[in-house]
PDB file of all heavy atoms in Angstrom:
ATOM      1  N   ARG A   1       0.722  -1.146  -0.012  1.00  0.00           N
ATOM      2  CA  ARG A   1      -0.009   0.011  -0.026  1.00  0.00           C
ATOM      3  C   ARG A   1       0.880   1.247   0.044  1.00  0.00           C
ATOM      4  O   ARG A   1       1.899   1.323   0.550  1.00  0.00           O
ATOM      5  CB  ARG A   1      -0.856   0.023   1.229  1.00  0.00           C
ATOM      6  CG  ARG A   1      -1.912  -1.116   1.215  1.00  0.00           C
ATOM      7  CD  ARG A   1      -2.988  -0.988   2.313  1.00  0.00           C
ATOM      8  NE  ARG A   1      -2.337  -0.694   3.690  1.00  0.00           N
ATOM      9  CZ  ARG A   1      -2.378   0.535   4.231  1.00  0.00           C
ATOM     10  NH1 ARG A   1      -2.871   1.581   3.720  1.00  0.00           N
ATOM     11  NH2 ARG A   1      -1.788   0.621   5.491  1.00  0.00           N
ATOM     12  N   SER A   2       0.376   2.229  -0.630  1.00  0.00           N
ATOM     13  CA  SER A   2       0.959   3.577  -0.584  1.00  0.00           C
ATOM     14  C   SER A   2       0.187   4.540   0.386  1.00  0.00           C
ATOM     15  O   SER A   2      -0.952   4.367   0.479  1.00  0.00           O
ATOM     16  CB  SER A   2       1.056   4.190  -2.001  1.00  0.00           C
ATOM     17  OG  SER A   2       1.863   3.481  -2.854  1.00  0.00           O
ATOM     18  N   PRO A   3       0.763   5.596   0.842  1.00  0.00           N
ATOM     19  CA  PRO A   3       0.021   6.523   1.636  1.00  0.00           C
ATOM     20  C   PRO A   3      -1.131   7.105   0.824  1.00  0.00           C
ATOM     21  O   PRO A   3      -1.018   7.425  -0.271  1.00  0.00           O
ATOM     22  CB  PRO A   3       1.081   7.554   2.021  1.00  0.00           C
ATOM     23  CG  PRO A   3       2.363   6.976   1.911  1.00  0.00           C
ATOM     24  CD  PRO A   3       2.305   5.920   0.696  1.00  0.00           C
ATOM     25  N   ALA A   4      -2.224   7.310   1.554  1.00  0.00           N
ATOM     26  CA  ALA A   4      -3.353   7.940   0.890  1.00  0.00           C
ATOM     27  C   ALA A   4      -3.066   9.480   0.708  1.00  0.00           C
ATOM     28  O   ALA A   4      -2.127  10.018   1.361  1.00  0.00           O
ATOM     29  CB  ALA A   4      -4.668   7.756   1.721  1.00  0.00           C
ATOM     30  N   HIS A   5      -3.871  10.128  -0.162  1.00  0.00           N
ATOM     31  CA  HIS A   5      -3.631  11.461  -0.382  1.00  0.00           C
ATOM     32  C   HIS A   5      -3.766  12.183   0.917  1.00  0.00           C
ATOM     33  O   HIS A   5      -2.857  13.229   1.124  1.00  0.00           O
ATOM     34  CB  HIS A   5      -4.837  12.013  -1.240  1.00  0.00           C
ATOM     35  CG  HIS A   5      -4.573  11.774  -2.746  1.00  0.00           C
ATOM     36  ND1 HIS A   5      -5.398  12.352  -3.655  1.00  0.00           N
ATOM     37  CD2 HIS A   5      -3.654  11.053  -3.397  1.00  0.00           C
ATOM     38  CE1 HIS A   5      -4.903  11.883  -4.849  1.00  0.00           C
ATOM     39  NE2 HIS A   5      -3.829  11.150  -4.770  1.00  0.00           N
ATOM     40  N   ALA A   6      -4.594  11.922   1.878  1.00  0.00           N
ATOM     41  CA  ALA A   6      -4.772  12.658   3.070  1.00  0.00           C
ATOM     42  C   ALA A   6      -3.584  12.504   3.900  1.00  0.00           C
ATOM     43  O   ALA A   6      -3.108  13.500   4.642  1.00  0.00           O
ATOM     44  CB  ALA A   6      -5.972  12.212   3.792  1.00  0.00           C
ATOM     45  N   ASP A   7      -2.938  11.280   3.913  1.00  0.00           N
ATOM     46  CA  ASP A   7      -1.721  11.061   4.574  1.00  0.00           C
ATOM     47  C   ASP A   7      -0.637  11.985   4.246  1.00  0.00           C
ATOM     48  O   ASP A   7       0.170  12.525   4.948  1.00  0.00           O
ATOM     49  CB  ASP A   7      -1.286   9.618   4.567  1.00  0.00           C
ATOM     50  CG  ASP A   7      -2.249   8.622   5.150  1.00  0.00           C
ATOM     51  OD1 ASP A   7      -2.868   8.968   6.226  1.00  0.00           O
ATOM     52  OD2 ASP A   7      -2.591   7.551   4.540  1.00  0.00           O
ATOM     53  N   VAL A   8      -0.385  12.099   2.785  1.00  0.00           N
ATOM     54  CA  VAL A   8       0.611  12.848   2.295  1.00  0.00           C
ATOM     55  C   VAL A   8       0.428  14.240   2.497  1.00  0.00           C
ATOM     56  O   VAL A   8       1.321  15.074   2.830  1.00  0.00           O
ATOM     57  CB  VAL A   8       0.847  12.533   0.743  1.00  0.00           C
ATOM     58  CG1 VAL A   8       1.844  13.479   0.205  1.00  0.00           C
ATOM     59  CG2 VAL A   8       1.158  11.042   0.521  1.00  0.00           C
ATOM     60  N   ALA A   9      -0.825  14.697   2.361  1.00  0.00           N
ATOM     61  CA  ALA A   9      -1.226  16.135   2.553  1.00  0.00           C
ATOM     62  C   ALA A   9      -0.951  16.559   3.999  1.00  0.00           C
ATOM     63  O   ALA A   9      -0.287  17.670   4.250  1.00  0.00           O
ATOM     64  CB  ALA A   9      -2.683  16.398   2.235  1.00  0.00           C
ATOM     65  N   ARG A  10      -1.230  15.639   4.957  1.00  0.00           N
ATOM     66  CA  ARG A  10      -0.901  15.949   6.365  1.00  0.00           C
ATOM     67  C   ARG A  10       0.635  16.041   6.654  1.00  0.00           C
ATOM     68  O   ARG A  10       1.039  16.839   7.389  1.00  0.00           O
ATOM     69  CB  ARG A  10      -1.577  14.962   7.312  1.00  0.00           C
ATOM     70  CG  ARG A  10      -3.039  15.079   7.557  1.00  0.00           C
ATOM     71  CD  ARG A  10      -3.539  14.278   8.738  1.00  0.00           C
ATOM     72  NE  ARG A  10      -3.449  12.820   8.394  1.00  0.00           N
ATOM     73  CZ  ARG A  10      -4.484  12.233   7.767  1.00  0.00           C
ATOM     74  NH1 ARG A  10      -5.541  12.834   7.499  1.00  0.00           N
ATOM     75  NH2 ARG A  10      -4.356  10.866   7.483  1.00  0.00           N
ATOM     76  N   GLN A  11       1.328  15.147   5.953  1.00  0.00           N
ATOM     77  CA  GLN A  11       2.821  15.129   6.093  1.00  0.00           C
ATOM     78  C   GLN A  11       3.283  16.399   5.492  1.00  0.00           C
ATOM     79  O   GLN A  11       4.286  17.069   6.054  1.00  0.00           O
ATOM     80  CB  GLN A  11       3.420  13.915   5.355  1.00  0.00           C
ATOM     81  CG  GLN A  11       4.877  13.859   5.536  1.00  0.00           C
ATOM     82  CD  GLN A  11       5.375  13.788   7.095  1.00  0.00           C
ATOM     83  OE1 GLN A  11       4.590  13.245   7.959  1.00  0.00           O
ATOM     84  NE2 GLN A  11       6.489  14.199   7.306  1.00  0.00           N
ATOM     85  N   LEU A  12       2.871  16.834   4.356  1.00  0.00           N
ATOM     86  CA  LEU A  12       3.354  18.020   3.776  1.00  0.00           C
ATOM     87  C   LEU A  12       3.142  19.278   4.747  1.00  0.00           C
ATOM     88  O   LEU A  12       4.062  20.099   4.873  1.00  0.00           O
ATOM     89  CB  LEU A  12       2.599  18.281   2.427  1.00  0.00           C
ATOM     90  CG  LEU A  12       2.886  19.632   1.764  1.00  0.00           C
ATOM     91  CD1 LEU A  12       4.336  19.730   1.259  1.00  0.00           C
ATOM     92  CD2 LEU A  12       2.034  19.815   0.561  1.00  0.00           C
ATOM     93  N   ASP A  13       1.898  19.395   5.213  1.00  0.00           N
ATOM     94  CA  ASP A  13       1.638  20.426   6.199  1.00  0.00           C
ATOM     95  C   ASP A  13       2.653  20.357   7.486  1.00  0.00           C
ATOM     96  O   ASP A  13       3.049  21.355   7.963  1.00  0.00           O
ATOM     97  CB  ASP A  13       0.194  20.330   6.711  1.00  0.00           C
ATOM     98  CG  ASP A  13      -0.743  20.676   5.621  1.00  0.00           C
ATOM     99  OD1 ASP A  13      -0.427  21.356   4.709  1.00  0.00           O
ATOM    100  OD2 ASP A  13      -2.023  20.347   5.865  1.00  0.00           O
ATOM    101  N   ARG A  14       2.995  19.104   7.971  1.00  0.00           N
ATOM    102  CA  ARG A  14       3.802  18.966   9.075  1.00  0.00           C
ATOM    103  C   ARG A  14       5.226  19.433   8.635  1.00  0.00           C
ATOM    104  O   ARG A  14       5.954  20.169   9.545  1.00  0.00           O
ATOM    105  CB  ARG A  14       3.780  17.438   9.439  1.00  0.00           C
ATOM    106  CG  ARG A  14       4.540  17.183  10.704  1.00  0.00           C
ATOM    107  CD  ARG A  14       4.502  15.699  11.043  1.00  0.00           C
ATOM    108  NE  ARG A  14       3.257  15.123  11.229  1.00  0.00           N
ATOM    109  CZ  ARG A  14       2.489  14.349  10.533  1.00  0.00           C
ATOM    110  NH1 ARG A  14       3.020  13.860   9.464  1.00  0.00           N
ATOM    111  NH2 ARG A  14       1.426  13.916  10.870  1.00  0.00           N
ATOM    112  N   ILE A  15       5.683  19.167   7.522  1.00  0.00           N
ATOM    113  CA  ILE A  15       7.023  19.493   7.124  1.00  0.00           C
ATOM    114  C   ILE A  15       7.070  21.085   6.906  1.00  0.00           C
ATOM    115  O   ILE A  15       8.099  21.706   7.423  1.00  0.00           O
ATOM    116  CB  ILE A  15       7.419  18.856   5.714  1.00  0.00           C
ATOM    117  CG1 ILE A  15       7.645  17.316   5.938  1.00  0.00           C
ATOM    118  CG2 ILE A  15       8.732  19.522   5.249  1.00  0.00           C
ATOM    119  CD1 ILE A  15       7.810  16.573   4.747  1.00  0.00           C
ATOM    120  N   LEU A  16       5.988  21.561   6.313  1.00  0.00           N
ATOM    121  CA  LEU A  16       6.111  23.142   5.971  1.00  0.00           C
ATOM    122  C   LEU A  16       5.975  23.874   7.212  1.00  0.00           C
ATOM    123  O   LEU A  16       6.277  25.106   7.348  1.00  0.00           O
ATOM    124  CB  LEU A  16       4.962  23.461   5.038  1.00  0.00           C
ATOM    125  CG  LEU A  16       5.100  22.837   3.612  1.00  0.00           C
ATOM    126  CD1 LEU A  16       4.032  23.244   2.745  1.00  0.00           C
ATOM    127  CD2 LEU A  16       6.435  23.179   2.977  1.00  0.00           C
ATOM    128  N   ALA A  17       5.469  23.332   8.362  1.00  0.00           N
ATOM    129  CA  ALA A  17       5.334  24.050   9.545  1.00  0.00           C
ATOM    130  C   ALA A  17       6.529  24.096  10.531  1.00  0.00           C
ATOM    131  O   ALA A  17       6.730  24.744  11.448  1.00  0.00           O
ATOM    132  CB  ALA A  17       4.232  23.402  10.466  1.00  0.00           C
ATOM    133  N   HIS A  18       7.490  23.142   9.977  1.00  0.00           N
ATOM    134  CA  HIS A  18       8.780  23.050  10.686  1.00  0.00           C
ATOM    135  C   HIS A  18       9.641  24.332  10.540  1.00  0.00           C
ATOM    136  O   HIS A  18       9.630  24.840   9.349  1.00  0.00           O
ATOM    137  CB  HIS A  18       9.568  21.795  10.242  1.00  0.00           C
ATOM    138  CG  HIS A  18      10.663  21.489  11.185  1.00  0.00           C
ATOM    139  ND1 HIS A  18      12.000  22.006  10.940  1.00  0.00           N
ATOM    140  CD2 HIS A  18      10.707  20.635  12.283  1.00  0.00           C
ATOM    141  CE1 HIS A  18      12.818  21.621  11.922  1.00  0.00           C
ATOM    142  NE2 HIS A  18      12.105  20.721  12.733  1.00  0.00           N
ATOM    143  N   PRO A  19      10.480  24.730  11.526  1.00  0.00           N
ATOM    144  CA  PRO A  19      11.242  25.967  11.288  1.00  0.00           C
ATOM    145  C   PRO A  19      12.197  25.867  10.159  1.00  0.00           C
ATOM    146  O   PRO A  19      12.615  26.762   9.577  1.00  0.00           O
ATOM    147  CB  PRO A  19      12.068  25.981  12.689  1.00  0.00           C
ATOM    148  CG  PRO A  19      11.130  25.445  13.586  1.00  0.00           C
ATOM    149  CD  PRO A  19      10.395  24.236  12.912  1.00  0.00           C
ATOM    150  N   LEU A  20      12.748  24.762   9.771  1.00  0.00           N
ATOM    151  CA  LEU A  20      13.572  24.477   8.683  1.00  0.00           C
ATOM    152  C   LEU A  20      13.005  25.118   7.362  1.00  0.00           C
ATOM    153  O   LEU A  20      13.735  25.645   6.501  1.00  0.00           O
ATOM    154  CB  LEU A  20      14.015  23.014   8.465  1.00  0.00           C
ATOM    155  CG  LEU A  20      15.086  22.515   9.294  1.00  0.00           C
ATOM    156  CD1 LEU A  20      15.187  20.980   9.021  1.00  0.00           C
ATOM    157  CD2 LEU A  20      16.360  23.141   9.066  1.00  0.00           C
ATOM    158  N   PHE A  21      11.684  24.863   7.223  1.00  0.00           N
ATOM    159  CA  PHE A  21      10.990  25.330   5.982  1.00  0.00           C
ATOM    160  C   PHE A  21      10.317  26.699   6.189  1.00  0.00           C
ATOM    161  O   PHE A  21      10.084  27.477   5.122  1.00  0.00           O
ATOM    162  CB  PHE A  21      10.062  24.257   5.621  1.00  0.00           C
ATOM    163  CG  PHE A  21      10.694  23.036   4.992  1.00  0.00           C
ATOM    164  CD1 PHE A  21      11.162  22.064   5.712  1.00  0.00           C
ATOM    165  CD2 PHE A  21      10.882  22.961   3.555  1.00  0.00           C
ATOM    166  CE1 PHE A  21      11.835  20.914   5.201  1.00  0.00           C
ATOM    167  CE2 PHE A  21      11.502  21.910   2.908  1.00  0.00           C
ATOM    168  CZ  PHE A  21      12.003  20.773   3.892  1.00  0.00           C
ATOM    169  N   GLN A  22       9.901  27.042   7.413  1.00  0.00           N
ATOM    170  CA  GLN A  22       9.290  28.293   7.633  1.00  0.00           C
ATOM    171  C   GLN A  22      10.395  29.370   7.344  1.00  0.00           C
ATOM    172  O   GLN A  22      10.004  30.531   6.937  1.00  0.00           O
ATOM    173  CB  GLN A  22       8.828  28.475   9.110  1.00  0.00           C
ATOM    174  CG  GLN A  22       7.526  27.655   9.286  1.00  0.00           C
ATOM    175  CD  GLN A  22       7.027  27.907  10.727  1.00  0.00           C
ATOM    176  OE1 GLN A  22       7.760  28.189  11.668  1.00  0.00           O
ATOM    177  NE2 GLN A  22       5.743  27.796  10.838  1.00  0.00           N
ATOM    178  N   ALA A  23      11.595  29.157   7.465  1.00  0.00           N
ATOM    179  CA  ALA A  23      12.731  30.092   7.249  1.00  0.00           C
ATOM    180  C   ALA A  23      12.919  30.187   5.814  1.00  0.00           C
ATOM    181  O   ALA A  23      13.857  31.129   5.366  1.00  0.00           O
ATOM    182  CB  ALA A  23      13.947  29.733   7.890  1.00  0.00           C
ATOM    183  N   SER A  24      12.387  29.448   4.850  1.00  0.00           N
ATOM    184  CA  SER A  24      12.701  29.496   3.525  1.00  0.00           C
ATOM    185  C   SER A  24      11.341  29.393   2.660  1.00  0.00           C
ATOM    186  O   SER A  24      10.780  28.366   2.492  1.00  0.00           O
ATOM    187  CB  SER A  24      13.563  28.396   3.135  1.00  0.00           C
ATOM    188  OG  SER A  24      13.811  28.419   1.669  1.00  0.00           O
ATOM    189  N   HIS A  25      10.828  30.476   2.339  1.00  0.00           N
ATOM    190  CA  HIS A  25       9.635  30.597   1.520  1.00  0.00           C
ATOM    191  C   HIS A  25       9.758  29.873   0.188  1.00  0.00           C
ATOM    192  O   HIS A  25       8.804  29.340  -0.342  1.00  0.00           O
ATOM    193  CB  HIS A  25       9.146  32.078   1.301  1.00  0.00           C
ATOM    194  CG  HIS A  25       9.040  32.676   2.645  1.00  0.00           C
ATOM    195  ND1 HIS A  25       8.098  32.335   3.617  1.00  0.00           N
ATOM    196  CD2 HIS A  25       9.542  33.856   3.125  1.00  0.00           C
ATOM    197  CE1 HIS A  25       8.150  33.168   4.584  1.00  0.00           C
ATOM    198  NE2 HIS A  25       9.036  34.006   4.370  1.00  0.00           N
ATOM    199  N   ARG A  26      10.843  30.035  -0.432  1.00  0.00           N
ATOM    200  CA  ARG A  26      11.114  29.476  -1.748  1.00  0.00           C
ATOM    201  C   ARG A  26      11.121  27.904  -1.831  1.00  0.00           C
ATOM    202  O   ARG A  26      10.504  27.268  -2.591  1.00  0.00           O
ATOM    203  CB  ARG A  26      12.385  30.017  -2.465  1.00  0.00           C
ATOM    204  CG  ARG A  26      12.176  31.627  -2.784  1.00  0.00           C
ATOM    205  CD  ARG A  26      13.422  32.163  -3.326  1.00  0.00           C
ATOM    206  NE  ARG A  26      14.422  32.099  -2.259  1.00  0.00           N
ATOM    207  CZ  ARG A  26      15.581  31.476  -2.457  1.00  0.00           C
ATOM    208  NH1 ARG A  26      15.921  30.830  -3.541  1.00  0.00           N
ATOM    209  NH2 ARG A  26      16.492  31.443  -1.403  1.00  0.00           N
TER     210      ARG A  26
END
């Protein structure tokens, strides 16, 4: 099985909320 769309979308939000990515808009 692969992750569902909702699983990936939640993971994307989790990553983008991390300071590593909040510091880089691009």
